[in-house]
Amino acid sequence: MATRAFVVTVVGKMTALSLHNRQINIEEHATTDEEKAQLREAFIAALSEGCAADKDALLGGVVDNAVKTSLGL
């Protein structure tokens, strides 16, 4: 279970970096708890699809693509 928590932490940091690099303020895309939950679900789905599509893909690229996809960029 510790490995899973580590991966979640790393993905969180990669997501923050992707948002920072793109100068994205998440509040411009989701303001309510419901909108944030929907955005989170869209991100998780895009992340899962990206990992499934290419098992050898670099995690940073998959995370960045999931950010773009879930925000419609």
C-alpha atoms as a PDB file:
ATOM      1  CA  MET A   1       0.000   0.000   0.000  1.00  0.00           C
ATOM      2  CA  ALA A   2       2.919   2.346   0.603  1.00  0.00           C
ATOM      3  CA  THR A   3       3.835   2.074  -3.087  1.00  0.00           C
ATOM      4  CA  ARG A   4       0.354   3.212  -4.121  1.00  0.00           C
ATOM      5  CA  ALA A   5       0.546   6.237  -1.818  1.00  0.00           C
ATOM      6  CA  PHE A   6       3.948   7.102  -3.271  1.00  0.00           C
ATOM      7  CA  VAL A   7       2.590   6.949  -6.836  1.00  0.00           C
ATOM      8  CA  VAL A   8      -0.395   9.115  -5.892  1.00  0.00           C
ATOM      9  CA  THR A   9       2.007  11.659  -4.374  1.00  0.00           C
ATOM     10  CA  VAL A  10       4.207  11.668  -7.483  1.00  0.00           C
ATOM     11  CA  VAL A  11       1.211  12.027  -9.820  1.00  0.00           C
ATOM     12  CA  GLY A  12      -0.060  14.904  -7.669  1.00  0.00           C
ATOM     13  CA  LYS A  13       3.258  16.698  -7.999  1.00  0.00           C
ATOM     14  CA  MET A  14       3.420  16.067 -11.742  1.00  0.00           C
ATOM     15  CA  THR A  15      -0.116  17.406 -12.100  1.00  0.00           C
ATOM     16  CA  ALA A  16       0.778  20.548 -10.154  1.00  0.00           C
ATOM     17  CA  LEU A  17       3.828  21.026 -12.382  1.00  0.00           C
ATOM     18  CA  SER A  18       1.752  20.605 -15.540  1.00  0.00           C
ATOM     19  CA  LEU A  19      -0.786  23.159 -14.284  1.00  0.00           C
ATOM     20  CA  HIS A  20       2.003  25.557 -13.280  1.00  0.00           C
ATOM     21  CA  ASN A  21       3.847  25.220 -16.595  1.00  0.00           C
ATOM     22  CA  ARG A  22       0.645  25.989 -18.479  1.00  0.00           C
ATOM     23  CA  GLN A  23      -0.216  28.838 -16.073  1.00  0.00           C
ATOM     24  CA  ILE A  24      -3.593  27.246 -15.406  1.00  0.00           C
ATOM     25  CA  ASN A  25      -5.720  28.438 -12.511  1.00  0.00           C
ATOM     26  CA  ILE A  26      -8.000  25.513 -11.768  1.00  0.00           C
ATOM     27  CA  GLU A  27     -10.594  27.926 -10.348  1.00  0.00           C
ATOM     28  CA  GLU A  28     -11.159  29.150 -13.918  1.00  0.00           C
ATOM     29  CA  HIS A  29     -12.275  25.633 -14.901  1.00  0.00           C
ATOM     30  CA  ALA A  30     -14.101  24.469 -11.781  1.00  0.00           C
ATOM     31  CA  THR A  31     -15.389  26.526  -8.881  1.00  0.00           C
ATOM     32  CA  THR A  32     -17.920  24.341  -7.096  1.00  0.00           C
ATOM     33  CA  ASP A  33     -17.192  21.104  -5.282  1.00  0.00           C
ATOM     34  CA  GLU A  34     -19.329  19.288  -7.859  1.00  0.00           C
ATOM     35  CA  GLU A  35     -17.380  20.785 -10.786  1.00  0.00           C
ATOM     36  CA  LYS A  36     -14.084  19.920  -9.104  1.00  0.00           C
ATOM     37  CA  ALA A  37     -15.266  16.348  -8.526  1.00  0.00           C
ATOM     38  CA  GLN A  38     -16.280  16.053 -12.189  1.00  0.00           C
ATOM     39  CA  LEU A  39     -12.917  17.439 -13.287  1.00  0.00           C
ATOM     40  CA  ARG A  40     -11.128  15.012 -10.975  1.00  0.00           C
ATOM     41  CA  GLU A  41     -13.081  12.078 -12.427  1.00  0.00           C
ATOM     42  CA  ALA A  42     -12.296  13.251 -15.979  1.00  0.00           C
ATOM     43  CA  PHE A  43      -8.603  13.511 -15.054  1.00  0.00           C
ATOM     44  CA  ILE A  44      -8.544  10.024 -13.516  1.00  0.00           C
ATOM     45  CA  ALA A  45     -10.291   8.578 -16.589  1.00  0.00           C
ATOM     46  CA  ALA A  46      -7.818  10.290 -18.945  1.00  0.00           C
ATOM     47  CA  LEU A  47      -4.905   9.143 -16.792  1.00  0.00           C
ATOM     48  CA  SER A  48      -6.179   5.548 -16.781  1.00  0.00           C
ATOM     49  CA  GLU A  49      -6.703   5.593 -20.536  1.00  0.00           C
ATOM     50  CA  GLY A  50      -3.239   7.007 -21.123  1.00  0.00           C
ATOM     51  CA  CYS A  51      -1.602   4.336 -18.999  1.00  0.00           C
ATOM     52  CA  ALA A  52      -3.618   1.561 -20.643  1.00  0.00           C
ATOM     53  CA  ALA A  53      -2.854   2.806 -24.153  1.00  0.00           C
ATOM     54  CA  ASP A  54       0.928   2.630 -23.706  1.00  0.00           C
ATOM     55  CA  LYS A  55       2.305   0.595 -20.830  1.00  0.00           C
ATOM     56  CA  ASP A  56       5.816   1.921 -21.604  1.00  0.00           C
ATOM     57  CA  ALA A  57       4.862   5.615 -21.712  1.00  0.00           C
ATOM     58  CA  LEU A  58       6.619   8.057 -19.443  1.00  0.00           C
ATOM     59  CA  LEU A  59       4.347   8.903 -16.514  1.00  0.00           C
ATOM     60  CA  GLY A  60       5.052  12.631 -16.862  1.00  0.00           C
ATOM     61  CA  GLY A  61       3.748  12.614 -20.425  1.00  0.00           C
ATOM     62  CA  VAL A  62       0.654  10.651 -19.473  1.00  0.00           C
ATOM     63  CA  VAL A  63      -0.079  13.057 -16.615  1.00  0.00           C
ATOM     64  CA  ASP A  64       0.417  16.102 -18.850  1.00  0.00           C
ATOM     65  CA  ASN A  65      -1.872  14.643 -21.513  1.00  0.00           C
ATOM     66  CA  ALA A  66      -4.488  13.846 -18.870  1.00  0.00           C
ATOM     67  CA  VAL A  67      -4.364  17.463 -17.682  1.00  0.00           C
ATOM     68  CA  LYS A  68      -4.872  18.707 -21.247  1.00  0.00           C
ATOM     69  CA  THR A  69      -7.641  16.226 -21.977  1.00  0.00           C
ATOM     70  CA  SER A  70      -9.588  16.784 -18.775  1.00  0.00           C
ATOM     71  CA  LEU A  71      -9.448  20.574 -19.212  1.00  0.00           C
ATOM     72  CA  GLY A  72     -10.298  20.396 -22.907  1.00  0.00           C
ATOM     73  CA  LEU A  73      -7.026  22.002 -24.010  1.00  0.00           C
END
